[in-house]
Amino acid sequence: RNSQMMIQFSDESIKSIAHINGFK
C-alpha cells in the first residue's frame, strides 16, 4: 500500500521505493 502511494504521489525512483518499503 505504501509503495503504491509513493509510486503515484512521489518523485522517488522505483528502486528507492522498493528499498524504503523493505524489499531487498
PDB file of all heavy atoms in Angstrom:
ATOM      1  N   ARG A   1       0.829  -1.209   0.000  1.00  0.00           N
ATOM      2  CA  ARG A   1       0.000   0.000   0.000  1.00  0.00           C
ATOM      3  C   ARG A   1       0.861   1.255   0.000  1.00  0.00           C
ATOM      4  O   ARG A   1       0.612   2.201  -0.749  1.00  0.00           O
ATOM      5  CB  ARG A   1      -0.924  -0.019   1.217  1.00  0.00           C
ATOM      6  CG  ARG A   1      -1.913   1.135   1.286  1.00  0.00           C
ATOM      7  CD  ARG A   1      -2.652   1.140   2.611  1.00  0.00           C
ATOM      8  NE  ARG A   1      -1.748   1.362   3.718  1.00  0.00           N
ATOM      9  CZ  ARG A   1      -1.275   2.558   4.077  1.00  0.00           C
ATOM     10  NH1 ARG A   1      -1.627   3.642   3.399  1.00  0.00           N
ATOM     11  NH2 ARG A   1      -0.456   2.678   5.106  1.00  0.00           N
ATOM     12  N   ASN A   2       1.888   1.252   0.846  1.00  0.00           N
ATOM     13  CA  ASN A   2       2.781   2.402   0.931  1.00  0.00           C
ATOM     14  C   ASN A   2       3.553   2.593  -0.375  1.00  0.00           C
ATOM     15  O   ASN A   2       3.751   3.716  -0.851  1.00  0.00           O
ATOM     16  CB  ASN A   2       3.758   2.222   2.093  1.00  0.00           C
ATOM     17  CG  ASN A   2       4.373   3.527   2.542  1.00  0.00           C
ATOM     18  OD1 ASN A   2       3.682   4.507   2.779  1.00  0.00           O
ATOM     19  ND2 ASN A   2       5.687   3.563   2.637  1.00  0.00           N
ATOM     20  N   SER A   3       3.983   1.473  -0.968  1.00  0.00           N
ATOM     21  CA  SER A   3       4.698   1.520  -2.248  1.00  0.00           C
ATOM     22  C   SER A   3       3.807   2.104  -3.339  1.00  0.00           C
ATOM     23  O   SER A   3       4.240   2.946  -4.136  1.00  0.00           O
ATOM     24  CB  SER A   3       5.145   0.111  -2.662  1.00  0.00           C
ATOM     25  OG  SER A   3       5.989  -0.461  -1.701  1.00  0.00           O
ATOM     26  N   GLN A   4       2.565   1.664  -3.363  1.00  0.00           N
ATOM     27  CA  GLN A   4       1.619   2.132  -4.376  1.00  0.00           C
ATOM     28  C   GLN A   4       1.423   3.643  -4.289  1.00  0.00           C
ATOM     29  O   GLN A   4       1.440   4.360  -5.305  1.00  0.00           O
ATOM     30  CB  GLN A   4       0.277   1.418  -4.192  1.00  0.00           C
ATOM     31  CG  GLN A   4      -0.731   1.717  -5.312  1.00  0.00           C
ATOM     32  CD  GLN A   4      -2.087   1.129  -5.003  1.00  0.00           C
ATOM     33  OE1 GLN A   4      -2.635   1.352  -3.922  1.00  0.00           O
ATOM     34  NE2 GLN A   4      -2.636   0.370  -5.930  1.00  0.00           N
ATOM     35  N   MET A   5       1.263   4.161  -3.058  1.00  0.00           N
ATOM     36  CA  MET A   5       1.079   5.604  -2.876  1.00  0.00           C
ATOM     37  C   MET A   5       2.323   6.382  -3.283  1.00  0.00           C
ATOM     38  O   MET A   5       2.230   7.435  -3.916  1.00  0.00           O
ATOM     39  CB  MET A   5       0.726   5.900  -1.419  1.00  0.00           C
ATOM     40  CG  MET A   5      -0.685   5.513  -1.042  1.00  0.00           C
ATOM     41  SD  MET A   5      -1.231   6.294   0.499  1.00  0.00           S
ATOM     42  CE  MET A   5       0.000   5.688   1.629  1.00  0.00           C
ATOM     43  N   MET A   6       3.506   5.845  -2.930  1.00  0.00           N
ATOM     44  CA  MET A   6       4.744   6.543  -3.270  1.00  0.00           C
ATOM     45  C   MET A   6       4.977   6.576  -4.776  1.00  0.00           C
ATOM     46  O   MET A   6       5.461   7.572  -5.326  1.00  0.00           O
ATOM     47  CB  MET A   6       5.926   5.860  -2.570  1.00  0.00           C
ATOM     48  CG  MET A   6       5.946   6.055  -1.067  1.00  0.00           C
ATOM     49  SD  MET A   6       7.420   5.363  -0.291  1.00  0.00           S
ATOM     50  CE  MET A   6       8.664   6.553  -0.830  1.00  0.00           C
ATOM     51  N   ILE A   7       4.629   5.502  -5.475  1.00  0.00           N
ATOM     52  CA  ILE A   7       4.766   5.467  -6.938  1.00  0.00           C
ATOM     53  C   ILE A   7       3.866   6.527  -7.572  1.00  0.00           C
ATOM     54  O   ILE A   7       4.252   7.225  -8.502  1.00  0.00           O
ATOM     55  CB  ILE A   7       4.422   4.067  -7.476  1.00  0.00           C
ATOM     56  CG1 ILE A   7       5.501   3.063  -7.062  1.00  0.00           C
ATOM     57  CG2 ILE A   7       4.289   4.081  -9.004  1.00  0.00           C
ATOM     58  CD1 ILE A   7       5.119   1.615  -7.295  1.00  0.00           C
ATOM     59  N   GLN A   8       2.649   6.669  -7.015  1.00  0.00           N
ATOM     60  CA  GLN A   8       1.682   7.607  -7.580  1.00  0.00           C
ATOM     61  C   GLN A   8       1.964   9.068  -7.218  1.00  0.00           C
ATOM     62  O   GLN A   8       1.791   9.952  -8.048  1.00  0.00           O
ATOM     63  CB  GLN A   8       0.268   7.239  -7.104  1.00  0.00           C
ATOM     64  CG  GLN A   8      -0.289   5.975  -7.723  1.00  0.00           C
ATOM     65  CD  GLN A   8      -1.677   5.672  -7.187  1.00  0.00           C
ATOM     66  OE1 GLN A   8      -1.835   5.244  -6.051  1.00  0.00           O
ATOM     67  NE2 GLN A   8      -2.686   5.918  -7.990  1.00  0.00           N
ATOM     68  N   PHE A   9       2.393   9.303  -5.971  1.00  0.00           N
ATOM     69  CA  PHE A   9       2.418  10.675  -5.476  1.00  0.00           C
ATOM     70  C   PHE A   9       3.794  11.210  -5.086  1.00  0.00           C
ATOM     71  O   PHE A   9       3.887  12.295  -4.526  1.00  0.00           O
ATOM     72  CB  PHE A   9       1.469  10.799  -4.271  1.00  0.00           C
ATOM     73  CG  PHE A   9       0.068  10.354  -4.581  1.00  0.00           C
ATOM     74  CD1 PHE A   9      -0.456   9.219  -3.985  1.00  0.00           C
ATOM     75  CD2 PHE A   9      -0.722  11.054  -5.481  1.00  0.00           C
ATOM     76  CE1 PHE A   9      -1.751   8.790  -4.265  1.00  0.00           C
ATOM     77  CE2 PHE A   9      -2.007  10.641  -5.777  1.00  0.00           C
ATOM     78  CZ  PHE A   9      -2.532   9.506  -5.170  1.00  0.00           C
ATOM     79  N   SER A  10       4.861  10.449  -5.346  1.00  0.00           N
ATOM     80  CA  SER A  10       6.199  10.954  -5.030  1.00  0.00           C
ATOM     81  C   SER A  10       7.093  10.872  -6.265  1.00  0.00           C
ATOM     82  O   SER A  10       6.754  10.213  -7.250  1.00  0.00           O
ATOM     83  CB  SER A  10       6.836  10.155  -3.883  1.00  0.00           C
ATOM     84  OG  SER A  10       7.372   8.941  -4.337  1.00  0.00           O
ATOM     85  N   ASP A  11       8.229  11.549  -6.184  1.00  0.00           N
ATOM     86  CA  ASP A  11       9.194  11.520  -7.288  1.00  0.00           C
ATOM     87  C   ASP A  11      10.338  10.538  -7.030  1.00  0.00           C
ATOM     88  O   ASP A  11      11.320  10.512  -7.764  1.00  0.00           O
ATOM     89  CB  ASP A  11       9.780  12.925  -7.510  1.00  0.00           C
ATOM     90  CG  ASP A  11       8.712  13.897  -8.003  1.00  0.00           C
ATOM     91  OD1 ASP A  11       7.839  13.464  -8.772  1.00  0.00           O
ATOM     92  OD2 ASP A  11       8.755  15.076  -7.602  1.00  0.00           O
ATOM     93  N   GLU A  12      10.217   9.748  -5.961  1.00  0.00           N
ATOM     94  CA  GLU A  12      11.244   8.740  -5.667  1.00  0.00           C
ATOM     95  C   GLU A  12      11.319   7.719  -6.796  1.00  0.00           C
ATOM     96  O   GLU A  12      10.304   7.366  -7.396  1.00  0.00           O
ATOM     97  CB  GLU A  12      10.911   8.008  -4.356  1.00  0.00           C
ATOM     98  CG  GLU A  12      10.994   8.851  -3.106  1.00  0.00           C
ATOM     99  CD  GLU A  12      12.426   9.017  -2.617  1.00  0.00           C
ATOM    100  OE1 GLU A  12      13.333   8.381  -3.185  1.00  0.00           O
ATOM    101  OE2 GLU A  12      12.623   9.801  -1.665  1.00  0.00           O
ATOM    102  N   SER A  13      12.536   7.243  -7.081  1.00  0.00           N
ATOM    103  CA  SER A  13      12.683   6.198  -8.085  1.00  0.00           C
ATOM    104  C   SER A  13      12.063   4.905  -7.566  1.00  0.00           C
ATOM    105  O   SER A  13      11.941   4.701  -6.353  1.00  0.00           O
ATOM    106  CB  SER A  13      14.161   5.957  -8.394  1.00  0.00           C
ATOM    107  OG  SER A  13      14.819   5.386  -7.282  1.00  0.00           O
ATOM    108  N   ILE A  14      11.689   4.024  -8.479  1.00  0.00           N
ATOM    109  CA  ILE A  14      11.081   2.749  -8.078  1.00  0.00           C
ATOM    110  C   ILE A  14      12.070   1.923  -7.256  1.00  0.00           C
ATOM    111  O   ILE A  14      11.696   1.234  -6.304  1.00  0.00           O
ATOM    112  CB  ILE A  14      10.586   1.978  -9.320  1.00  0.00           C
ATOM    113  CG1 ILE A  14       9.384   2.726  -9.924  1.00  0.00           C
ATOM    114  CG2 ILE A  14      10.183   0.548  -8.963  1.00  0.00           C
ATOM    115  CD1 ILE A  14       8.853   2.140 -11.198  1.00  0.00           C
ATOM    116  N   LYS A  15      13.351   2.043  -7.576  1.00  0.00           N
ATOM    117  CA  LYS A  15      14.372   1.327  -6.806  1.00  0.00           C
ATOM    118  C   LYS A  15      14.391   1.826  -5.357  1.00  0.00           C
ATOM    119  O   LYS A  15      14.466   1.027  -4.413  1.00  0.00           O
ATOM    120  CB  LYS A  15      15.750   1.524  -7.455  1.00  0.00           C
ATOM    121  CG  LYS A  15      16.860   0.741  -6.789  1.00  0.00           C
ATOM    122  CD  LYS A  15      18.180   0.929  -7.516  1.00  0.00           C
ATOM    123  CE  LYS A  15      19.295   0.126  -6.847  1.00  0.00           C
ATOM    124  NZ  LYS A  15      20.597   0.304  -7.534  1.00  0.00           N
ATOM    125  N   SER A  16      14.312   3.138  -5.178  1.00  0.00           N
ATOM    126  CA  SER A  16      14.289   3.722  -3.824  1.00  0.00           C
ATOM    127  C   SER A  16      13.042   3.306  -3.065  1.00  0.00           C
ATOM    128  O   SER A  16      13.094   2.984  -1.875  1.00  0.00           O
ATOM    129  CB  SER A  16      14.316   5.246  -3.889  1.00  0.00           C
ATOM    130  OG  SER A  16      15.620   5.716  -4.023  1.00  0.00           O
ATOM    131  N   ILE A  17      11.910   3.316  -3.767  1.00  0.00           N
ATOM    132  CA  ILE A  17      10.635   2.941  -3.143  1.00  0.00           C
ATOM    133  C   ILE A  17      10.693   1.489  -2.666  1.00  0.00           C
ATOM    134  O   ILE A  17      10.217   1.162  -1.575  1.00  0.00           O
ATOM    135  CB  ILE A  17       9.464   3.159  -4.129  1.00  0.00           C
ATOM    136  CG1 ILE A  17       9.264   4.661  -4.370  1.00  0.00           C
ATOM    137  CG2 ILE A  17       8.179   2.526  -3.609  1.00  0.00           C
ATOM    138  CD1 ILE A  17       8.295   4.997  -5.474  1.00  0.00           C
ATOM    139  N   ALA A  18      11.286   0.627  -3.477  1.00  0.00           N
ATOM    140  CA  ALA A  18      11.434  -0.783  -3.098  1.00  0.00           C
ATOM    141  C   ALA A  18      12.246  -0.895  -1.813  1.00  0.00           C
ATOM    142  O   ALA A  18      11.869  -1.605  -0.872  1.00  0.00           O
ATOM    143  CB  ALA A  18      12.100  -1.565  -4.221  1.00  0.00           C
ATOM    144  N   HIS A  19      13.360  -0.159  -1.736  1.00  0.00           N
ATOM    145  CA  HIS A  19      14.241  -0.216  -0.561  1.00  0.00           C
ATOM    146  C   HIS A  19      13.563   0.361   0.675  1.00  0.00           C
ATOM    147  O   HIS A  19      13.640  -0.222   1.766  1.00  0.00           O
ATOM    148  CB  HIS A  19      15.526   0.565  -0.862  1.00  0.00           C
ATOM    149  CG  HIS A  19      16.480   0.603   0.297  1.00  0.00           C
ATOM    150  ND1 HIS A  19      17.141  -0.514   0.749  1.00  0.00           N
ATOM    151  CD2 HIS A  19      16.850   1.630   1.100  1.00  0.00           C
ATOM    152  CE1 HIS A  19      17.890  -0.172   1.794  1.00  0.00           C
ATOM    153  NE2 HIS A  19      17.731   1.117   2.017  1.00  0.00           N
ATOM    154  N   ILE A  20      12.865   1.492   0.514  1.00  0.00           N
ATOM    155  CA  ILE A  20      12.182   2.152   1.633  1.00  0.00           C
ATOM    156  C   ILE A  20      11.138   1.233   2.260  1.00  0.00           C
ATOM    157  O   ILE A  20      10.901   1.284   3.470  1.00  0.00           O
ATOM    158  CB  ILE A  20      11.533   3.466   1.156  1.00  0.00           C
ATOM    159  CG1 ILE A  20      12.622   4.517   0.875  1.00  0.00           C
ATOM    160  CG2 ILE A  20      10.511   4.003   2.160  1.00  0.00           C
ATOM    161  CD1 ILE A  20      12.131   5.733   0.137  1.00  0.00           C
ATOM    162  N   ASN A  21      10.546   0.366   1.439  1.00  0.00           N
ATOM    163  CA  ASN A  21       9.471  -0.499   1.925  1.00  0.00           C
ATOM    164  C   ASN A  21       9.917  -1.928   2.202  1.00  0.00           C
ATOM    165  O   ASN A  21       9.099  -2.842   2.279  1.00  0.00           O
ATOM    166  CB  ASN A  21       8.305  -0.475   0.933  1.00  0.00           C
ATOM    167  CG  ASN A  21       7.572   0.851   0.964  1.00  0.00           C
ATOM    168  OD1 ASN A  21       6.811   1.138   1.876  1.00  0.00           O
ATOM    169  ND2 ASN A  21       7.831   1.692  -0.031  1.00  0.00           N
ATOM    170  N   GLY A  22      11.231  -2.102   2.380  1.00  0.00           N
ATOM    171  CA  GLY A  22      11.731  -3.365   2.894  1.00  0.00           C
ATOM    172  C   GLY A  22      11.995  -4.461   1.887  1.00  0.00           C
ATOM    173  O   GLY A  22      12.185  -5.619   2.275  1.00  0.00           O
ATOM    174  N   PHE A  23      12.018  -4.132   0.592  1.00  0.00           N
ATOM    175  CA  PHE A  23      12.316  -5.141  -0.420  1.00  0.00           C
ATOM    176  C   PHE A  23      13.808  -5.099  -0.756  1.00  0.00           C
ATOM    177  O   PHE A  23      14.378  -4.025  -0.944  1.00  0.00           O
ATOM    178  CB  PHE A  23      11.482  -4.907  -1.678  1.00  0.00           C
ATOM    179  CG  PHE A  23      10.002  -5.137  -1.471  1.00  0.00           C
ATOM    180  CD1 PHE A  23       9.168  -4.090  -1.110  1.00  0.00           C
ATOM    181  CD2 PHE A  23       9.453  -6.400  -1.624  1.00  0.00           C
ATOM    182  CE1 PHE A  23       7.813  -4.293  -0.900  1.00  0.00           C
ATOM    183  CE2 PHE A  23       8.098  -6.622  -1.425  1.00  0.00           C
ATOM    184  CZ  PHE A  23       7.277  -5.557  -1.058  1.00  0.00           C
ATOM    185  N   LYS A  24      14.425  -6.265  -0.823  1.00  0.00           N
ATOM    186  CA  LYS A  24      15.877  -6.346  -0.986  1.00  0.00           C
ATOM    187  C   LYS A  24      16.335  -5.957  -2.397  1.00  0.00           C
ATOM    188  O   LYS A  24      17.418  -5.430  -2.585  1.00  0.00           O
ATOM    189  CB  LYS A  24      16.363  -7.771  -0.679  1.00  0.00           C
ATOM    190  CG  LYS A  24      16.092  -8.212   0.746  1.00  0.00           C
ATOM    191  CD  LYS A  24      16.837  -7.350   1.746  1.00  0.00           C
ATOM    192  CE  LYS A  24      16.632  -7.826   3.166  1.00  0.00           C
ATOM    193  NZ  LYS A  24      17.227  -6.934   4.161  1.00  0.00           N
TER     194      LYS A  24
END
